[in-house]
Every structure is written in structure tokens, then in C-alpha cells.
Amino acid sequence: QVQLVESGGGLVQAGDSLRLSCAASGRTFSDYGMGWFRQAPGKEREFVAAINWSGRSTYYADSVKGRFTISRDNVKNTVYLQMNSLKPEDTAVYYCASDRARYSGGSYDSTSQLRYAYWGQGTQVTVSS
């Protein structure tokens, strides 16, 4: 049983930073790409960032490029999302997800939710102005 558990969300002010974590279990973490998505109230879930299985390739949504950094620790089976210079429009529930296919990820193809087989329960990030 694959499980993804996000943590690190909270209430911050505009300009602050947060680091989200997603701990994975149930399969060989280092074989699979990972992604972060978010869903704001009343909006569709959208892609935020992705990283390939090795950590050498990443891809970002234009809205977060230069402010957010995705990384992974294949020893700790954890993927991270470092969020800097947060804006009120970053307010959303953030989800991590694990790729369906081995040895891929971290590219434009990673923006599709259909690519991912497993999802976490989400963690709330609220940015006040």
C-alpha cells in the first residue's frame, strides 16, 4: 500500500517562507518521479512542480518559478517543496503525488494529473496579505 503524507503547511504572511514535506512509503521511492499540485477554493487543482526519480531534473509552473524549489531525499523517502516569497494567491491545499511509471518525471509531461498514481491527503497553506 503506497502512502504519501504531507506536512509543513500553515498560516504565514506575504513574503514569508514555508517548506512542505511529503513522506512516502509502500514502494521504492527512488524509482519514481514526484509532483506537487495545489487547489485553491473554488478552483481546479493545478500543477506546481515536479522532480524526476533521481532528483536531477525539475519542472515548475510559471507562477512559482524562481520562488519555489522542489527537491528530494531518496534516503529519507521524502520530497520537499521550499516556498519563498509567498503571495496571497499561493493560498491553497497542497498535494504531493507519485508517478505511475518508473524512471521518469521532472518534465513538461509531469504537469498532467493523469500521470500520477498516488496522492497524499493535502496540507493547507494560507498566506495573508
Foldseek 3Di string as FASTA:
>chain_A
DKAWAKDWADEEAAQAKTKMKIAIDDDQLLFWKKFKWWDDPPGDIWGAKIAGSNQPAMDGDPVQPPFWDWGDDSVRRMIMIIGGRDDQVVWTWMKMFIFPDTGDMRDPVNGDPVRTDDMHPTDTHGYHD
